[in-house]
Amino acid sequence: MTGPIGGSDGGTIIVVGLGFGDEAKGATVDFLCSQGDVAGVVRFNGGAQAAHNVIADGRHHTFRQFGSGTLCGVPTFLSRHCLVEPIGLAGEAEELAALGVPDPLSLLTVDPDALLTTPVHVAANRTREDRRGTGRHGSTGLGIGETVWYDLAVRRGARAGERVENLMAPADTRGRPLRVRDCLDPRSLRRRLDELVRFYAPLLAGSDHGHDDVEAMADLLEAFAGAVRIAAPGHLARTARRGRLVFEGAQGVLLDEWRGFHPHTTWSTTTPANAQRLLAEAGLPRGDVLGLTRTYTTRHGAGPLPTEDPALLAVDEPHNGPGRYQGGWRAGHLDLVALSYAVEAVGGVDALAVSHLDVVDDSALPAIHAVGAYRTAAGFTDRLPVGPPQDLAHQAALTGLLGGATGRGRVLTGSRDAVLTLERALNAPVQVLAFGPDRADRKLA
């Protein structure tokens, strides 16, 4: 076996979802870590909204902030591109301990420059989404976008009533956003929290969502800083000297803040860009990109899904379903047009991992089509153009194009047909195959 997954050179692997999330990133990272020689899992985007399910050796865990190699005993590094939510982190550590992971927090290192998500961000996120009514953009309701937006608003010096990226500042910004390093300085910590509470007070007045007072939140964050390891300079390079690195992405390229279908996107860079940047800064070689997809398309909540077919909701999804803020669980046929767009948007992938191959082989389930073209208001198309960097007008135009689009394709005859079809369409070899949710259901091609 040769290539980025099975090679013996110990190269870095960057795991990236090519869809709208839910491409089995957690299970794939767990499988890669189970092969040995992995020194660390690096989270390079997102925050507590991740829901990466791993089933192995009779244990199941939904990874949110810990890396999905934890059940294999592989340490996690939350890079500065992650949003750290300490309350959820503490709860997840308790869940992992109950599964037999000894002292989970000892496996965790956090970058001091990572932004912190607090109960204030969560309350603000839910309040804004509630007020959108039927015009919701789609959210997990966990304060992810609000954490990033507040950082942006502060850096721009936003004044009360000013719109920053389509969100209105409820008050004048002051100070700076809260980062992990602030938890090491009690005075700085309380100052940052007080600024945050004052800023959001007008928005939360009369809201259904609240938060603890400054002192209670400060106590919790100080306890967090005392329980985890704060990274020293050079942490990533030192980890790489012990073995292979696996970078674990959150969500998918079709939800990327700049490449997704605006405004139904995340406030996070879901492409490999952050991972490659971290490697370059550490003086390490570029990583090999492993693009992940299912054999059919899924997404949570609002936004385009041209291949949507409610019949495919018959596929059992024990760890997915509707949520108050995420919206409904939706399914469609294998979308080669959107996947090709995602691959082009990230500059190509070195290999593919394909999950849910058992679904294609199950004759009791609805047939899955491979869709290679859309019918749109402007006619047929088999390609979505990748626009200039950070051009939200282009992304919004794609959303408009896809809004009424429907897919055309052919029935997949089985898992082998699905693999060959994906390899041809995406110009990359399939190197990880998954025929079920368990680690034992995965294998190298």
Protein backbone atom coordinates (compact mmCIF):
# COMPACT_ATOMS: atom_id res chain seq x y z
CA MET A 1 0.00 0.00 0.00
CA THR A 2 1.39 3.39 -0.97
CA GLY A 3 0.09 6.95 -0.75
CA PRO A 4 -0.78 9.40 2.01
CA ILE A 5 -2.78 6.96 4.13
CA GLY A 6 -0.90 3.70 3.99
CA GLY A 7 2.58 4.99 3.27
CA SER A 8 5.46 4.42 5.65
CA ASP A 9 6.88 7.96 5.48
CA GLY A 10 4.91 9.11 8.53
CA GLY A 11 3.50 12.14 6.68
CA THR A 12 0.78 14.38 8.08
CA ILE A 13 -2.82 13.64 7.14
CA ILE A 14 -5.41 16.44 6.99
CA VAL A 15 -8.97 15.09 7.29
CA VAL A 16 -11.47 17.36 5.52
CA GLY A 17 -15.18 16.83 4.92
CA LEU A 18 -16.21 17.58 1.33
CA GLY A 19 -19.91 18.00 2.06
CA PHE A 20 -22.16 19.80 4.52
CA GLY A 21 -20.64 17.98 7.50
CA ASP A 22 -21.49 14.49 8.79
CA GLU A 23 -18.96 12.80 6.46
CA ALA A 24 -17.65 10.45 9.21
CA LYS A 25 -14.65 12.61 10.10
CA GLY A 26 -14.55 11.35 13.69
CA ALA A 27 -14.77 7.68 12.75
CA THR A 28 -12.09 8.17 10.09
CA VAL A 29 -9.70 9.92 12.50
CA ASP A 30 -10.26 7.17 15.07
CA PHE A 31 -9.51 4.53 12.43
CA LEU A 32 -6.31 6.30 11.35
CA CYS A 33 -5.18 6.56 14.96
CA SER A 34 -5.89 2.88 15.52
CA GLN A 35 -3.30 2.06 12.82
CA GLY A 36 -0.52 3.26 15.15
CA ASP A 37 2.32 5.80 14.83
CA VAL A 38 0.04 8.81 15.43
CA ALA A 39 1.56 11.26 17.92
CA GLY A 40 -1.28 13.76 18.01
CA VAL A 41 -4.63 14.86 16.63
CA VAL A 42 -4.80 18.58 15.83
CA ARG A 43 -8.16 20.34 15.67
CA PHE A 44 -7.82 23.20 13.18
CA ASN A 45 -11.24 24.85 13.01
CA GLY A 46 -14.65 25.01 14.63
CA GLY A 47 -15.59 24.52 18.23
CA ALA A 48 -18.12 22.73 20.40
CA GLN A 49 -20.59 22.38 17.53
CA ALA A 50 -18.67 19.37 16.19
CA ALA A 51 -20.44 16.03 16.63
CA HIS A 52 -17.96 13.39 15.51
CA ASN A 53 -19.25 9.94 16.37
CA VAL A 54 -16.86 7.09 17.10
CA ILE A 55 -17.92 3.50 17.80
CA ALA A 56 -15.14 1.11 18.73
CA ASP A 57 -14.63 -1.89 21.03
CA GLY A 58 -18.20 -1.64 22.33
CA ARG A 59 -17.86 2.05 23.19
CA HIS A 60 -19.56 5.06 21.59
CA HIS A 61 -18.69 8.72 22.04
CA THR A 62 -19.69 11.88 20.22
CA PHE A 63 -16.51 13.97 20.04
CA ARG A 64 -17.05 17.70 20.22
CA GLN A 65 -13.77 19.31 21.30
CA PHE A 66 -11.49 16.39 22.15
CA GLY A 67 -9.82 14.87 19.11
CA SER A 68 -11.41 11.70 17.79
CA GLY A 69 -8.23 9.71 18.47
CA THR A 70 -8.84 9.91 22.24
CA LEU A 71 -10.20 6.36 22.56
CA CYS A 72 -6.87 5.23 21.06
CA GLY A 73 -5.00 7.25 23.69
CA VAL A 74 -3.80 9.84 21.15
CA PRO A 75 -3.37 13.37 22.57
CA THR A 76 -5.32 16.36 21.23
CA PHE A 77 -4.05 19.84 20.41
CA LEU A 78 -6.70 22.56 20.11
CA SER A 79 -4.99 25.08 17.85
CA ARG A 80 -5.55 28.83 17.86
CA HIS A 81 -8.05 28.35 15.02
CA CYS A 82 -10.40 26.49 17.37
CA LEU A 83 -13.05 28.03 19.60
CA VAL A 84 -12.75 26.58 23.10
CA GLU A 85 -15.89 26.17 25.21
CA PRO A 86 -14.78 25.19 28.75
CA ILE A 87 -18.17 24.12 30.16
CA GLY A 88 -18.71 21.64 27.33
CA LEU A 89 -15.10 20.54 27.55
CA ALA A 90 -15.47 19.61 31.20
CA GLY A 91 -18.62 17.64 30.47
CA GLU A 92 -16.97 15.81 27.60
CA ALA A 93 -14.01 14.89 29.83
CA GLU A 94 -16.44 13.32 32.31
CA GLU A 95 -18.09 11.32 29.51
CA LEU A 96 -14.73 10.02 28.32
CA ALA A 97 -13.66 9.10 31.83
CA ALA A 98 -16.89 7.09 32.17
CA LEU A 99 -15.86 5.19 29.01
CA GLY A 100 -12.57 4.22 30.62
CA VAL A 101 -10.24 6.94 29.33
CA PRO A 102 -7.90 7.68 32.25
CA ASP A 103 -7.63 11.41 33.05
CA PRO A 104 -8.87 12.72 29.66
CA LEU A 105 -7.76 16.29 30.34
CA SER A 106 -4.15 15.08 30.56
CA LEU A 107 -4.43 14.26 26.85
CA LEU A 108 -5.42 17.84 25.97
CA THR A 109 -3.24 20.85 25.10
CA VAL A 110 -4.79 24.21 24.22
CA ASP A 111 -3.25 27.11 22.32
CA PRO A 112 -3.21 30.27 24.49
CA ASP A 113 -4.43 32.37 21.56
CA ALA A 114 -7.61 30.35 20.97
CA LEU A 115 -10.83 32.33 21.40
CA LEU A 116 -13.16 31.32 24.23
CA THR A 117 -16.87 30.71 23.78
CA THR A 118 -18.82 31.70 26.91
CA PRO A 119 -22.46 31.45 28.00
CA VAL A 120 -22.81 35.09 26.85
CA HIS A 121 -21.95 34.13 23.27
CA VAL A 122 -24.38 31.21 23.42
CA ALA A 123 -27.24 33.39 24.69
CA ALA A 124 -26.56 36.02 22.01
CA ASN A 125 -26.41 33.39 19.25
CA ARG A 126 -29.74 31.87 20.26
CA THR A 127 -31.40 35.25 20.66
CA ARG A 128 -30.39 36.39 17.18
CA GLU A 129 -31.47 33.10 15.59
CA ASP A 130 -34.83 33.16 17.39
CA ARG A 131 -35.49 36.65 16.05
CA ARG A 132 -34.82 35.56 12.47
CA GLY A 133 -37.96 33.42 12.64
CA THR A 134 -38.51 31.55 9.39
CA GLY A 135 -35.50 33.30 7.84
CA ARG A 136 -32.94 31.40 9.92
CA HIS A 137 -29.49 30.93 8.43
CA GLY A 138 -28.91 27.67 10.27
CA SER A 139 -27.04 27.34 13.55
CA THR A 140 -26.22 24.85 16.25
CA GLY A 141 -27.11 27.46 18.86
CA LEU A 142 -23.77 26.99 20.61
CA GLY A 143 -22.34 30.47 20.15
CA ILE A 144 -19.82 29.56 17.46
CA GLY A 145 -20.58 32.32 14.96
CA GLU A 146 -21.12 34.83 17.74
CA THR A 147 -17.65 34.16 19.17
CA VAL A 148 -16.01 34.83 15.81
CA TRP A 149 -18.27 37.81 15.09
CA TYR A 150 -17.50 39.49 18.42
CA ASP A 151 -13.77 39.18 17.71
CA LEU A 152 -14.33 40.78 14.30
CA ALA A 153 -16.54 43.54 15.72
CA VAL A 154 -13.94 44.44 18.36
CA ARG A 155 -11.12 44.51 15.82
CA ARG A 156 -13.19 46.88 13.66
CA GLY A 157 -14.05 49.09 16.64
CA ALA A 158 -17.79 48.72 15.98
CA ARG A 159 -20.14 51.30 17.49
CA ALA A 160 -23.68 50.71 18.75
CA GLY A 161 -26.04 50.12 15.83
CA GLU A 162 -23.27 49.51 13.31
CA ARG A 163 -23.63 46.46 11.08
CA VAL A 164 -20.64 44.15 10.89
CA GLU A 165 -21.06 41.28 8.41
CA ASN A 166 -24.85 41.68 8.53
CA LEU A 167 -25.07 41.56 12.34
CA MET A 168 -25.80 44.69 14.35
CA ALA A 169 -23.59 45.72 17.26
CA PRO A 170 -25.84 46.11 20.33
CA ALA A 171 -23.37 48.54 21.99
CA ASP A 172 -19.96 50.14 21.48
CA THR A 173 -17.09 47.67 21.48
CA ARG A 174 -14.17 48.17 23.84
CA GLY A 175 -11.18 46.20 25.05
CA ARG A 176 -10.48 42.92 23.25
CA PRO A 177 -12.07 39.49 22.93
CA LEU A 178 -11.51 36.76 25.50
CA ARG A 179 -8.79 34.20 24.76
CA VAL A 180 -7.45 31.19 26.65
CA ARG A 181 -4.42 33.16 27.88
CA ASP A 182 -6.75 35.58 29.72
CA CYS A 183 -7.76 32.76 32.06
CA LEU A 184 -4.26 32.86 33.56
CA ASP A 185 -4.68 36.49 34.72
CA PRO A 186 -7.65 37.01 37.12
CA ARG A 187 -7.82 40.77 36.57
CA SER A 188 -7.67 40.53 32.78
CA LEU A 189 -10.21 37.71 32.83
CA ARG A 190 -12.80 39.69 34.78
CA ARG A 191 -12.20 42.80 32.68
CA ARG A 192 -12.78 40.91 29.43
CA LEU A 193 -15.92 39.23 30.81
CA ASP A 194 -17.31 42.55 32.06
CA GLU A 195 -16.76 44.12 28.63
CA LEU A 196 -18.52 41.17 27.00
CA VAL A 197 -21.53 41.31 29.32
CA ARG A 198 -21.95 45.07 28.89
CA PHE A 199 -21.70 44.80 25.11
CA TYR A 200 -24.46 42.21 24.80
CA ALA A 201 -26.78 43.56 27.52
CA PRO A 202 -29.02 45.52 25.08
CA LEU A 203 -29.44 42.48 22.81
CA LEU A 204 -30.26 40.12 25.68
CA ALA A 205 -32.66 42.47 27.46
CA GLY A 206 -36.02 40.71 27.36
CA SER A 207 -34.50 37.62 25.69
CA ASP A 208 -35.40 34.07 26.68
CA HIS A 209 -31.68 33.35 27.04
CA GLY A 210 -29.43 34.42 29.89
CA HIS A 211 -26.06 33.66 31.48
CA ASP A 212 -24.26 33.56 34.83
CA ASP A 213 -22.76 36.68 36.34
CA VAL A 214 -19.15 37.73 35.74
CA GLU A 215 -17.78 36.28 38.97
CA ALA A 216 -19.34 32.85 38.41
CA MET A 217 -18.03 32.69 34.85
CA ALA A 218 -14.58 33.84 35.96
CA ASP A 219 -14.39 31.11 38.60
CA LEU A 220 -15.25 28.48 36.00
CA LEU A 221 -12.68 29.76 33.50
CA GLU A 222 -9.94 29.89 36.12
CA ALA A 223 -10.69 26.27 36.99
CA PHE A 224 -10.49 25.39 33.30
CA ALA A 225 -7.05 27.02 32.96
CA GLY A 226 -5.80 25.04 35.93
CA ALA A 227 -7.05 21.74 34.56
CA VAL A 228 -5.65 21.80 31.00
CA ARG A 229 -2.17 22.18 29.55
CA ILE A 230 -1.62 25.55 27.86
CA ALA A 231 0.69 25.12 24.88
CA ALA A 232 4.20 26.56 24.92
CA PRO A 233 5.85 27.80 21.70
CA GLY A 234 6.99 24.96 19.44
CA HIS A 235 4.38 22.47 20.71
CA LEU A 236 3.37 21.25 17.24
CA ALA A 237 6.94 20.67 16.06
CA ARG A 238 7.79 18.75 19.23
CA THR A 239 4.72 16.55 18.80
CA ALA A 240 5.63 15.81 15.18
CA ARG A 241 9.02 14.48 16.26
CA ARG A 242 7.22 11.66 18.10
CA GLY A 243 5.21 10.43 15.12
CA ARG A 244 2.55 11.21 12.53
CA LEU A 245 0.08 14.08 12.94
CA VAL A 246 -3.59 13.81 11.99
CA PHE A 247 -5.43 17.10 11.54
CA GLU A 248 -9.16 16.80 12.22
CA GLY A 249 -11.49 19.27 10.53
CA ALA A 250 -14.99 20.21 11.63
CA GLN A 251 -18.06 20.57 9.37
CA GLY A 252 -17.48 20.47 5.60
CA VAL A 253 -16.20 22.52 2.68
CA LEU A 254 -19.75 23.25 1.48
CA LEU A 255 -20.29 25.11 4.76
CA ASP A 256 -17.01 27.04 4.64
CA GLU A 257 -17.23 30.72 5.58
CA TRP A 258 -15.86 31.76 2.17
CA ARG A 259 -16.51 28.76 -0.10
CA GLY A 260 -19.89 27.60 1.20
CA PHE A 261 -23.28 28.67 -0.10
CA HIS A 262 -23.79 32.03 1.61
CA PRO A 263 -25.53 32.78 3.98
CA HIS A 264 -26.04 29.13 5.00
CA THR A 265 -22.46 28.75 6.16
CA THR A 266 -20.32 28.53 9.27
CA TRP A 267 -18.05 31.25 10.71
CA SER A 268 -15.09 28.94 10.25
CA THR A 269 -12.52 27.97 7.62
CA THR A 270 -13.35 24.33 6.93
CA THR A 271 -10.82 23.93 4.08
CA PRO A 272 -7.28 22.63 4.80
CA ALA A 273 -5.90 26.22 4.79
CA ASN A 274 -5.58 26.54 8.58
CA ALA A 275 -3.90 23.15 8.87
CA GLN A 276 -1.37 23.89 6.14
CA ARG A 277 -0.64 27.27 7.75
CA LEU A 278 0.02 25.68 11.14
CA LEU A 279 2.39 23.18 9.55
CA ALA A 280 4.29 25.91 7.71
CA GLU A 281 4.63 27.98 10.88
CA ALA A 282 6.04 24.93 12.67
CA GLY A 283 8.60 24.35 9.91
CA LEU A 284 6.91 21.08 8.91
CA PRO A 285 6.13 19.75 5.40
CA ARG A 286 2.69 20.24 3.90
CA GLY A 287 0.11 17.65 4.84
CA ASP A 288 -1.68 15.22 2.55
CA VAL A 289 -5.37 16.04 2.24
CA LEU A 290 -7.84 13.19 2.77
CA GLY A 291 -11.25 14.26 1.45
CA LEU A 292 -14.27 12.58 3.03
CA THR A 293 -17.69 11.87 1.59
CA ARG A 294 -20.65 9.57 2.11
CA THR A 295 -22.24 7.63 -0.74
CA TYR A 296 -25.18 10.02 -0.48
CA THR A 297 -25.58 13.66 0.53
CA THR A 298 -26.88 14.97 3.85
CA ARG A 299 -27.22 18.28 5.65
CA HIS A 300 -28.85 19.85 8.69
CA GLY A 301 -31.36 22.66 8.29
CA ALA A 302 -31.67 25.47 5.76
CA GLY A 303 -29.73 25.83 2.53
CA PRO A 304 -29.44 24.27 -0.94
CA LEU A 305 -29.62 20.51 -1.41
CA PRO A 306 -30.21 19.95 -5.15
CA THR A 307 -30.26 16.14 -4.96
CA GLU A 308 -32.69 16.02 -2.02
CA ASP A 309 -34.93 12.95 -1.88
CA PRO A 310 -37.05 12.39 1.25
CA ALA A 311 -37.10 8.66 0.47
CA LEU A 312 -33.46 8.50 1.59
CA LEU A 313 -34.49 9.46 5.10
CA ALA A 314 -35.28 5.75 5.40
CA VAL A 315 -31.56 5.21 5.99
CA ASP A 316 -31.05 4.69 9.72
CA GLU A 317 -29.27 7.68 11.29
CA PRO A 318 -29.12 6.97 15.04
CA HIS A 319 -26.80 9.93 15.73
CA ASN A 320 -28.47 12.50 13.49
CA GLY A 321 -31.84 14.17 13.62
CA PRO A 322 -33.61 17.53 13.84
CA GLY A 323 -32.48 20.19 16.30
CA ARG A 324 -34.09 23.40 17.52
CA TYR A 325 -31.41 25.56 15.92
CA GLN A 326 -29.90 23.22 13.36
CA GLY A 327 -33.27 22.46 11.79
CA GLY A 328 -34.30 19.21 10.15
CA TRP A 329 -32.12 16.32 9.00
CA ARG A 330 -32.15 16.11 5.20
CA ALA A 331 -30.83 13.59 2.69
CA GLY A 332 -30.22 13.42 -1.05
CA HIS A 333 -28.43 11.44 -3.73
CA LEU A 334 -24.65 11.42 -4.28
CA ASP A 335 -23.89 14.92 -5.58
CA LEU A 336 -20.85 14.75 -7.85
CA VAL A 337 -21.30 18.38 -8.91
CA ALA A 338 -21.05 19.72 -5.36
CA LEU A 339 -18.24 17.32 -4.44
CA SER A 340 -16.23 18.35 -7.52
CA TYR A 341 -16.74 21.98 -6.53
CA ALA A 342 -15.47 21.23 -3.00
CA VAL A 343 -12.36 19.46 -4.33
CA GLU A 344 -11.59 22.35 -6.68
CA ALA A 345 -12.17 24.87 -3.89
CA VAL A 346 -9.51 23.25 -1.68
CA GLY A 347 -7.01 22.89 -4.52
CA GLY A 348 -7.43 19.15 -4.90
CA VAL A 349 -7.21 16.20 -2.53
CA ASP A 350 -4.57 13.47 -2.31
CA ALA A 351 -6.98 10.66 -1.46
CA LEU A 352 -10.60 9.96 -0.52
CA ALA A 353 -12.34 8.20 2.33
CA VAL A 354 -15.84 6.97 1.54
CA SER A 355 -18.35 6.00 4.22
CA HIS A 356 -21.82 4.43 4.14
CA LEU A 357 -20.86 2.01 1.37
CA ASP A 358 -23.13 -0.54 3.03
CA VAL A 359 -26.12 1.68 2.23
CA VAL A 360 -25.47 1.35 -1.51
CA ASP A 361 -25.23 -2.44 -1.20
CA ASP A 362 -28.45 -2.80 0.83
CA SER A 363 -31.24 -3.77 -1.57
CA ALA A 364 -33.85 -3.09 1.14
CA LEU A 365 -33.05 0.64 1.00
CA PRO A 366 -33.97 3.11 -1.76
CA ALA A 367 -31.63 3.17 -4.76
CA ILE A 368 -28.99 5.90 -4.66
CA HIS A 369 -28.24 7.92 -7.79
CA ALA A 370 -24.92 9.46 -8.78
CA VAL A 371 -25.87 12.97 -9.89
CA GLY A 372 -23.50 14.54 -12.41
CA ALA A 373 -25.58 17.54 -13.53
CA TYR A 374 -28.30 19.90 -12.32
CA ARG A 375 -31.34 21.35 -14.00
CA THR A 376 -31.44 25.04 -12.96
CA ALA A 377 -33.45 28.09 -13.98
CA ALA A 378 -30.52 28.97 -16.25
CA GLY A 379 -30.43 25.51 -17.87
CA PHE A 380 -28.34 22.40 -17.26
CA THR A 381 -24.94 22.59 -15.62
CA ASP A 382 -22.38 20.02 -14.53
CA ARG A 383 -20.03 22.46 -12.80
CA LEU A 384 -20.19 25.10 -10.09
CA PRO A 385 -17.56 27.81 -10.68
CA VAL A 386 -15.10 28.51 -7.88
CA GLY A 387 -14.98 32.27 -7.43
CA PRO A 388 -12.29 34.68 -6.20
CA PRO A 389 -11.21 34.38 -2.55
CA GLN A 390 -13.59 35.89 0.00
CA ASP A 391 -16.20 36.93 -2.56
CA LEU A 392 -19.51 36.49 -0.72
CA ALA A 393 -21.47 37.95 -3.65
CA HIS A 394 -20.26 35.03 -5.78
CA GLN A 395 -21.19 32.56 -3.04
CA ALA A 396 -24.65 34.10 -2.68
CA ALA A 397 -25.11 33.82 -6.45
CA LEU A 398 -24.33 30.10 -6.22
CA THR A 399 -26.94 29.80 -3.49
CA GLY A 400 -29.48 31.48 -5.77
CA LEU A 401 -28.57 29.16 -8.63
CA LEU A 402 -28.94 26.08 -6.46
CA GLY A 403 -32.15 27.22 -4.79
CA GLY A 404 -34.41 25.70 -7.43
CA ALA A 405 -31.97 23.21 -8.89
CA THR A 406 -32.72 19.51 -9.24
CA GLY A 407 -30.28 16.69 -9.92
CA ARG A 408 -29.96 14.30 -12.84
CA GLY A 409 -28.05 11.05 -12.62
CA ARG A 410 -27.96 7.28 -12.76
CA VAL A 411 -28.50 4.55 -10.21
CA LEU A 412 -25.39 3.23 -8.45
CA THR A 413 -25.23 -0.54 -8.77
CA GLY A 414 -23.26 -1.15 -5.58
CA SER A 415 -20.32 -0.10 -3.45
CA ARG A 416 -17.71 -0.89 -6.10
CA ASP A 417 -19.58 1.27 -8.59
CA ALA A 418 -19.74 4.07 -6.01
CA VAL A 419 -15.99 3.93 -5.38
CA LEU A 420 -15.07 3.94 -9.07
CA THR A 421 -17.55 6.73 -9.79
CA LEU A 422 -16.07 8.92 -7.06
CA GLU A 423 -12.49 8.24 -8.13
CA ARG A 424 -13.27 9.26 -11.71
CA ALA A 425 -15.30 12.33 -10.78
CA LEU A 426 -12.90 13.67 -8.13
CA ASN A 427 -9.61 12.52 -9.69
CA ALA A 428 -8.29 10.92 -6.51
CA PRO A 429 -7.93 7.35 -5.22
CA VAL A 430 -10.26 6.02 -2.55
CA GLN A 431 -7.98 4.77 0.24
CA VAL A 432 -10.35 4.33 3.20
CA LEU A 433 -13.57 2.31 2.85
CA ALA A 434 -16.34 2.20 5.47
CA PHE A 435 -19.17 -0.34 5.37
CA GLY A 436 -20.71 0.62 8.71
CA PRO A 437 -20.33 2.92 11.72
CA ASP A 438 -17.88 0.82 13.76
CA ARG A 439 -14.08 1.02 13.62
CA ALA A 440 -14.14 -2.65 12.60
CA ASP A 441 -16.25 -1.71 9.54
CA ARG A 442 -13.37 0.34 8.08
CA LYS A 443 -10.43 -0.79 6.02
CA LEU A 444 -7.68 0.54 3.79
CA ALA A 445 -8.26 0.03 0.08
